[in-house]
Amino acid sequence: MADLDELLNSRGTMTELGAHVVAARFNRAGSHAAFALGDGSLHLFDTQKWDKVAVHDGAVLSLAAHPVTTGFCSGGDDGRLMAVSPEGQVTEIAKFGSKWVEHIATFAGKTPLLAAAAGKNLHLLSGSGEVLKTLAHPSTVTGIAFDTKGKRVAASHYNGASLWFTSSSSDPRKLEWKGSHIGVALHPAGEALVTSMQENSLHGWTLPDGKHMRMAGYPAKTESLGFTRSGRWLATAGAESIVLWPFFGGGPMGKAPMELGAGDGIVKRVAPHPEHEAVAAGFDTGLVIIADVQKEHILAVCGPGRGAVTALDWDPSGARLAIGTETGFAAVVNFAR
């Protein structure tokens, strides 16, 4: 155990927050990390101190870096979309009635955008918080993702996914596949859209031609997925190791995935590194590792025993990793030389 905790103890700052950590995110400046809790609070960390901020009447369900400021956006089961500054000031951006704000995503480019999913609707807002349009779906939205240019936003839902242009009023591109789709990821170059499914599998569509891709064989649900920076690999949770599907050389169809970092237990969260071909992974045992995809090298960050990992996020430079677990353990580990 001591060996597995060596990096955590030598380079980490840790605390017990007292409630389930729903999500963790760094702000766009990389100066603060926020941890969203099931008790409705955010805990902000600025490299030295932890500050608790009461934000929602109920659980925080979603968290993202604010697309304009150095603060954060959060959604809760109180139907509110909130903005929280690094100093802990709380402002309501929007209220969506009694519908839970289960998913949010932000885009911080030339035209900043914020997307919030409440029930069957995806609300698209400007960086200043103005609701630009409401995009209706056939069933509850279960995941959202912007493309790298902010031109399109994807939403997963029952029986497939919808791909919308953010600046157009045209109907969405509907990508259909029967079943319950519970999360979505877009290829960095816009070459594919992939969803995770309730049936312990992934489904994907090539873009723009829409050919189907089926990726199965998982022992558990894929609760977390993301493309590496280059787009060559799709990193996924849901197995005893990080499962990496190749999105090059004609893959992933007809090609076996690479599996890295087998541990005792199931991978619950993956976080691809923002600069390098590396992936952080957190297990249901509390173990956290980093896998160098090119060298196939594994680095232990945090040993098991602190509850299932429920939150992982890199800062924008990839120097620090935020970790949160279901028991309320939280840490920020600094890898800068």
Protein backbone atom coordinates (compact mmCIF):
# COMPACT_ATOMS: atom_id res chain seq x y z
CA MET A 1 0.00 0.00 0.00
CA ALA A 2 2.81 2.41 0.93
CA ASP A 3 4.43 1.98 -2.49
CA LEU A 4 1.16 2.65 -4.33
CA ASP A 5 0.61 5.82 -2.27
CA GLU A 6 4.14 7.16 -2.75
CA LEU A 7 3.14 9.76 -5.38
CA LEU A 8 0.02 10.77 -3.46
CA ASN A 9 2.02 11.29 -0.27
CA SER A 10 4.98 13.08 -1.88
CA ARG A 11 3.16 15.23 -4.45
CA GLY A 12 -0.47 15.31 -3.37
CA THR A 13 -2.66 17.53 -1.21
CA MET A 14 -5.60 15.58 0.17
CA THR A 15 -8.63 15.98 2.39
CA GLU A 16 -11.88 14.31 3.46
CA LEU A 17 -14.92 16.24 2.22
CA GLY A 18 -17.59 14.21 4.02
CA ALA A 19 -19.89 13.42 1.08
CA HIS A 20 -19.90 11.60 -2.26
CA VAL A 21 -17.73 13.44 -4.83
CA VAL A 22 -19.91 13.66 -7.96
CA ALA A 23 -17.38 15.42 -10.20
CA ALA A 24 -14.07 17.29 -10.17
CA ARG A 25 -12.94 19.98 -12.60
CA PHE A 26 -10.14 22.50 -13.00
CA ASN A 27 -10.98 26.00 -14.20
CA ARG A 28 -9.71 27.26 -17.57
CA ALA A 29 -6.77 29.05 -15.92
CA GLY A 30 -5.71 25.94 -14.01
CA SER A 31 -5.55 28.01 -10.81
CA HIS A 32 -8.40 26.25 -8.98
CA ALA A 33 -9.95 22.81 -8.79
CA ALA A 34 -13.61 22.33 -7.84
CA PHE A 35 -15.12 19.21 -6.31
CA ALA A 36 -18.90 18.82 -6.59
CA LEU A 37 -20.59 16.94 -3.77
CA GLY A 38 -23.82 15.03 -3.26
CA ASP A 39 -24.71 17.40 -0.39
CA GLY A 40 -25.11 20.39 -2.76
CA SER A 41 -21.75 22.02 -2.07
CA LEU A 42 -18.66 22.76 -4.11
CA HIS A 43 -15.23 22.57 -2.53
CA LEU A 44 -12.64 24.84 -4.15
CA PHE A 45 -8.90 24.21 -3.93
CA ASP A 46 -6.30 26.82 -4.94
CA THR A 47 -3.04 24.86 -4.40
CA GLN A 48 -3.03 25.60 -0.65
CA LYS A 49 -6.45 25.84 0.98
CA TRP A 50 -9.87 24.21 0.64
CA ASP A 51 -13.05 26.33 0.73
CA LYS A 52 -16.59 24.99 0.99
CA VAL A 53 -19.36 26.83 -0.90
CA ALA A 54 -23.09 26.01 -0.57
CA VAL A 55 -24.50 26.06 -4.12
CA HIS A 56 -27.55 23.79 -4.64
CA ASP A 57 -30.62 22.80 -2.62
CA GLY A 58 -29.97 19.09 -3.05
CA ALA A 59 -27.20 17.22 -4.84
CA VAL A 60 -24.82 18.71 -7.38
CA LEU A 61 -25.23 16.57 -10.51
CA SER A 62 -22.88 18.19 -13.03
CA LEU A 63 -19.82 20.44 -13.13
CA ALA A 64 -17.75 22.21 -15.79
CA ALA A 65 -15.23 25.02 -16.14
CA HIS A 66 -17.00 28.30 -16.92
CA PRO A 67 -16.43 29.14 -20.63
CA VAL A 68 -15.65 32.85 -20.00
CA THR A 69 -14.54 33.43 -16.41
CA THR A 70 -12.03 31.57 -14.21
CA GLY A 71 -14.93 30.06 -12.28
CA PHE A 72 -17.18 27.06 -12.66
CA CYS A 73 -20.71 26.09 -13.75
CA SER A 74 -22.75 23.52 -11.86
CA GLY A 75 -26.14 21.85 -12.30
CA GLY A 76 -28.27 20.38 -9.55
CA ASP A 77 -31.39 18.38 -8.77
CA ASP A 78 -32.97 21.71 -7.77
CA GLY A 79 -33.29 22.54 -11.49
CA ARG A 80 -30.75 25.35 -11.30
CA LEU A 81 -27.69 26.12 -13.40
CA MET A 82 -25.22 28.07 -11.30
CA ALA A 83 -21.97 30.01 -11.71
CA VAL A 84 -19.38 29.90 -8.93
CA SER A 85 -16.35 32.21 -8.88
CA PRO A 86 -12.94 31.09 -7.55
CA GLU A 87 -13.64 33.32 -4.53
CA GLY A 88 -16.86 31.43 -3.82
CA GLN A 89 -19.46 33.90 -5.12
CA VAL A 90 -22.57 32.05 -6.34
CA THR A 91 -24.86 33.34 -9.13
CA GLU A 92 -27.86 31.68 -10.74
CA ILE A 93 -27.48 31.46 -14.53
CA ALA A 94 -30.82 29.78 -15.26
CA LYS A 95 -33.64 27.79 -13.63
CA PHE A 96 -35.29 24.91 -15.51
CA GLY A 97 -38.27 24.24 -13.28
CA SER A 98 -38.24 20.90 -11.49
CA LYS A 99 -36.07 19.17 -14.11
CA TRP A 100 -32.71 17.99 -12.86
CA VAL A 101 -29.69 19.58 -14.57
CA GLU A 102 -27.85 16.30 -14.95
CA HIS A 103 -25.28 17.17 -17.61
CA ILE A 104 -23.44 20.33 -18.60
CA ALA A 105 -20.66 21.03 -21.09
CA THR A 106 -18.85 24.23 -21.99
CA PHE A 107 -16.91 25.53 -24.98
CA ALA A 108 -14.37 28.31 -24.38
CA GLY A 109 -13.44 29.28 -27.95
CA LYS A 110 -14.08 32.42 -30.00
CA THR A 111 -17.82 32.17 -29.35
CA PRO A 112 -18.13 30.76 -25.80
CA LEU A 113 -21.03 28.37 -25.23
CA LEU A 114 -22.67 26.49 -22.39
CA ALA A 115 -24.95 23.47 -22.81
CA ALA A 116 -27.18 22.17 -20.03
CA ALA A 117 -29.36 19.06 -20.20
CA ALA A 118 -32.61 19.07 -18.21
CA GLY A 119 -35.01 16.23 -18.96
CA LYS A 120 -35.49 15.84 -22.73
CA ASN A 121 -34.17 19.34 -23.49
CA LEU A 122 -30.67 20.55 -24.18
CA HIS A 123 -30.46 24.27 -23.46
CA LEU A 124 -27.77 26.11 -25.39
CA LEU A 125 -26.59 29.32 -23.71
CA SER A 126 -24.11 32.05 -24.59
CA GLY A 127 -21.02 32.62 -22.46
CA SER A 128 -22.90 35.40 -20.66
CA GLY A 129 -25.75 33.03 -19.72
CA GLU A 130 -28.38 34.02 -22.29
CA VAL A 131 -30.46 31.07 -23.49
CA LEU A 132 -29.89 30.96 -27.26
CA LYS A 133 -32.15 27.99 -28.02
CA THR A 134 -33.67 24.87 -26.54
CA LEU A 135 -33.10 21.62 -28.42
CA ALA A 136 -35.77 18.97 -27.83
CA HIS A 137 -34.98 15.24 -27.87
CA PRO A 138 -37.20 12.11 -28.00
CA SER A 139 -36.17 11.07 -24.48
CA THR A 140 -34.04 12.19 -21.53
CA VAL A 141 -30.63 13.53 -22.54
CA THR A 142 -27.97 11.31 -20.92
CA GLY A 143 -24.76 12.96 -22.11
CA ILE A 144 -23.53 16.01 -24.04
CA ALA A 145 -20.29 16.97 -25.79
CA PHE A 146 -19.10 19.86 -27.95
CA ASP A 147 -16.79 19.32 -30.88
CA THR A 148 -13.36 20.97 -30.69
CA LYS A 149 -14.51 24.05 -32.67
CA GLY A 150 -17.83 24.58 -30.90
CA LYS A 151 -19.69 24.23 -34.19
CA ARG A 152 -21.62 21.14 -33.15
CA VAL A 153 -23.00 19.69 -29.94
CA ALA A 154 -23.86 16.02 -29.50
CA ALA A 155 -26.46 14.54 -27.16
CA SER A 156 -26.98 10.89 -26.26
CA HIS A 157 -30.46 9.58 -25.44
CA TYR A 158 -32.63 6.47 -25.80
CA ASN A 159 -32.21 4.79 -29.22
CA GLY A 160 -29.17 6.80 -30.29
CA ALA A 161 -27.69 10.27 -30.44
CA SER A 162 -28.40 13.65 -32.03
CA LEU A 163 -25.79 15.96 -33.53
CA TRP A 164 -26.75 19.65 -33.75
CA PHE A 165 -25.13 22.69 -35.34
CA THR A 166 -24.78 25.31 -32.60
CA SER A 167 -25.28 28.36 -34.85
CA SER A 168 -28.06 26.95 -37.05
CA SER A 169 -31.77 26.31 -36.54
CA SER A 170 -31.67 23.22 -38.76
CA ASP A 171 -32.82 19.81 -37.56
CA PRO A 172 -30.20 17.54 -35.97
CA ARG A 173 -28.35 14.71 -37.59
CA LYS A 174 -30.00 11.66 -36.01
CA LEU A 175 -27.77 8.67 -35.36
CA GLU A 176 -29.98 5.72 -34.49
CA TRP A 177 -29.30 2.43 -32.71
CA LYS A 178 -31.87 0.70 -30.52
CA GLY A 179 -31.19 0.66 -26.80
CA SER A 180 -30.26 2.89 -23.89
CA HIS A 181 -27.31 5.20 -24.64
CA ILE A 182 -25.87 6.72 -21.44
CA GLY A 183 -22.92 8.89 -22.52
CA VAL A 184 -21.28 10.43 -25.58
CA ALA A 185 -17.84 11.36 -26.94
CA LEU A 186 -16.84 13.15 -30.15
CA HIS A 187 -13.59 12.43 -32.00
CA PRO A 188 -11.23 15.46 -31.83
CA ALA A 189 -11.06 15.66 -35.64
CA GLY A 190 -14.82 15.12 -35.98
CA GLU A 191 -14.37 11.68 -37.56
CA ALA A 192 -16.66 9.73 -35.22
CA LEU A 193 -19.28 9.89 -32.49
CA VAL A 194 -19.33 7.15 -29.84
CA THR A 195 -21.87 6.41 -27.11
CA SER A 196 -21.68 4.15 -24.08
CA MET A 197 -24.67 1.87 -23.56
CA GLN A 198 -26.60 0.32 -20.69
CA GLU A 199 -25.83 -3.11 -22.20
CA ASN A 200 -22.11 -3.00 -21.23
CA SER A 201 -21.03 -2.00 -24.74
CA LEU A 202 -20.24 1.00 -26.93
CA HIS A 203 -21.82 2.03 -30.20
CA GLY A 204 -20.30 4.42 -32.70
CA TRP A 205 -20.90 6.06 -36.04
CA THR A 206 -18.25 7.23 -38.48
CA LEU A 207 -18.69 10.85 -39.59
CA PRO A 208 -19.83 11.99 -42.01
CA ASP A 209 -20.84 8.67 -43.63
CA GLY A 210 -22.60 7.18 -40.57
CA LYS A 211 -21.21 3.63 -40.70
CA HIS A 212 -21.97 1.71 -37.49
CA MET A 213 -19.27 0.62 -35.05
CA ARG A 214 -19.96 -1.86 -32.26
CA MET A 215 -17.52 -2.31 -29.37
CA ALA A 216 -18.58 -4.97 -26.87
CA GLY A 217 -17.20 -7.43 -24.32
CA TYR A 218 -17.24 -5.25 -21.19
CA PRO A 219 -17.97 -6.87 -17.79
CA ALA A 220 -19.55 -3.63 -16.52
CA LYS A 221 -21.10 -0.41 -17.82
CA THR A 222 -18.76 2.12 -19.41
CA GLU A 223 -19.45 5.09 -17.15
CA SER A 224 -16.57 7.13 -18.56
CA LEU A 225 -14.93 7.47 -21.97
CA GLY A 226 -12.75 9.94 -23.85
CA PHE A 227 -10.45 10.27 -26.84
CA THR A 228 -6.74 10.82 -26.38
CA ARG A 229 -5.43 14.18 -27.55
CA SER A 230 -4.40 12.85 -30.98
CA GLY A 231 -7.70 11.04 -31.50
CA ARG A 232 -5.81 7.82 -32.17
CA TRP A 233 -7.30 6.04 -29.16
CA LEU A 234 -10.65 5.98 -27.36
CA ALA A 235 -10.04 5.31 -23.66
CA THR A 236 -12.90 3.63 -21.80
CA ALA A 237 -13.88 2.42 -18.34
CA GLY A 238 -16.00 -0.66 -17.58
CA ALA A 239 -13.34 -3.40 -17.45
CA GLU A 240 -10.50 -4.63 -15.21
CA SER A 241 -8.09 -2.43 -17.17
CA ILE A 242 -8.18 0.69 -19.35
CA VAL A 243 -9.64 -0.44 -22.68
CA LEU A 244 -8.23 1.58 -25.61
CA TRP A 245 -9.87 1.25 -29.02
CA PRO A 246 -7.69 2.20 -32.03
CA PHE A 247 -9.17 4.93 -34.25
CA PHE A 248 -6.47 4.67 -36.93
CA GLY A 249 -5.51 2.19 -39.65
CA GLY A 250 -9.13 1.38 -40.32
CA GLY A 251 -9.97 0.75 -36.63
CA PRO A 252 -11.73 0.18 -34.40
CA MET A 253 -13.74 -2.35 -36.45
CA GLY A 254 -11.83 -5.57 -37.02
CA LYS A 255 -9.14 -4.59 -34.51
CA ALA A 256 -8.72 -5.72 -30.92
CA PRO A 257 -8.45 -3.01 -28.28
CA MET A 258 -5.31 -2.47 -26.25
CA GLU A 259 -5.72 -3.05 -22.51
CA LEU A 260 -3.44 -1.32 -20.03
CA GLY A 261 -3.11 -1.25 -16.25
CA ALA A 262 -5.02 -4.26 -15.02
CA GLY A 263 -5.89 -3.81 -11.35
CA ASP A 264 -8.04 -5.53 -8.75
CA GLY A 265 -11.50 -4.25 -9.59
CA ILE A 266 -13.23 -2.33 -12.38
CA VAL A 267 -12.17 0.98 -13.94
CA LYS A 268 -14.85 3.60 -13.12
CA ARG A 269 -13.34 6.81 -14.55
CA VAL A 270 -10.84 7.65 -17.29
CA ALA A 271 -9.26 11.05 -18.02
CA PRO A 272 -7.08 11.38 -21.15
CA HIS A 273 -4.11 13.73 -20.68
CA PRO A 274 -4.55 17.13 -22.42
CA GLU A 275 -1.02 17.16 -23.91
CA HIS A 276 0.33 13.61 -24.13
CA GLU A 277 -0.84 10.13 -25.20
CA ALA A 278 -1.55 9.13 -21.61
CA VAL A 279 -4.68 8.29 -19.64
CA ALA A 280 -5.45 8.49 -15.93
CA ALA A 281 -7.82 5.83 -14.60
CA GLY A 282 -9.64 5.35 -11.30
CA PHE A 283 -10.93 1.99 -10.09
CA ASP A 284 -13.86 0.95 -7.90
CA THR A 285 -11.27 0.02 -5.24
CA GLY A 286 -9.89 3.57 -5.05
CA LEU A 287 -6.74 2.73 -7.04
CA VAL A 288 -5.64 5.49 -9.45
CA ILE A 289 -3.06 4.92 -12.19
CA ILE A 290 -1.66 6.72 -15.22
CA ALA A 291 -0.97 4.75 -18.40
CA ASP A 292 1.52 5.98 -21.01
CA VAL A 293 -0.14 4.64 -24.15
CA GLN A 294 2.92 4.78 -26.42
CA LYS A 295 5.34 3.16 -23.98
CA GLU A 296 2.64 0.96 -22.37
CA HIS A 297 4.05 2.06 -19.00
CA ILE A 298 1.92 2.25 -15.83
CA LEU A 299 2.42 4.68 -12.95
CA ALA A 300 0.57 4.21 -9.65
CA VAL A 301 -0.78 7.47 -8.22
CA CYS A 302 -2.99 6.39 -5.35
CA GLY A 303 -3.53 3.00 -3.74
CA PRO A 304 -6.89 1.33 -3.01
CA GLY A 305 -8.95 1.72 0.13
CA ARG A 306 -10.57 5.17 -0.12
CA GLY A 307 -13.79 4.24 -1.92
CA ALA A 308 -14.61 3.93 -5.62
CA VAL A 309 -13.16 6.71 -7.78
CA THR A 310 -16.04 8.89 -9.01
CA ALA A 311 -14.16 11.94 -10.32
CA LEU A 312 -10.93 12.53 -12.28
CA ASP A 313 -9.73 15.62 -14.14
CA TRP A 314 -6.45 17.08 -15.45
CA ASP A 315 -5.68 20.77 -15.30
CA PRO A 316 -5.35 22.41 -18.77
CA SER A 317 -1.56 22.00 -18.83
CA GLY A 318 -1.67 18.39 -17.65
CA ALA A 319 0.53 19.12 -14.64
CA ARG A 320 -2.02 18.28 -11.94
CA LEU A 321 -4.66 15.59 -11.48
CA ALA A 322 -7.79 15.97 -9.33
CA ILE A 323 -9.21 12.81 -7.73
CA GLY A 324 -12.50 12.27 -5.89
CA THR A 325 -14.19 9.18 -4.46
CA GLU A 326 -17.64 8.06 -3.33
CA THR A 327 -16.58 8.25 0.35
CA GLY A 328 -15.61 11.94 0.09
CA PHE A 329 -11.85 11.56 -0.27
CA ALA A 330 -10.37 14.27 -2.53
CA ALA A 331 -6.83 14.98 -3.68
CA VAL A 332 -4.86 17.08 -6.14
CA VAL A 333 -1.58 15.52 -7.24
CA ASN A 334 1.10 17.75 -8.81
CA PHE A 335 3.33 16.14 -11.45
CA ALA A 336 5.27 19.30 -12.40
CA ARG A 337 9.01 18.89 -12.13
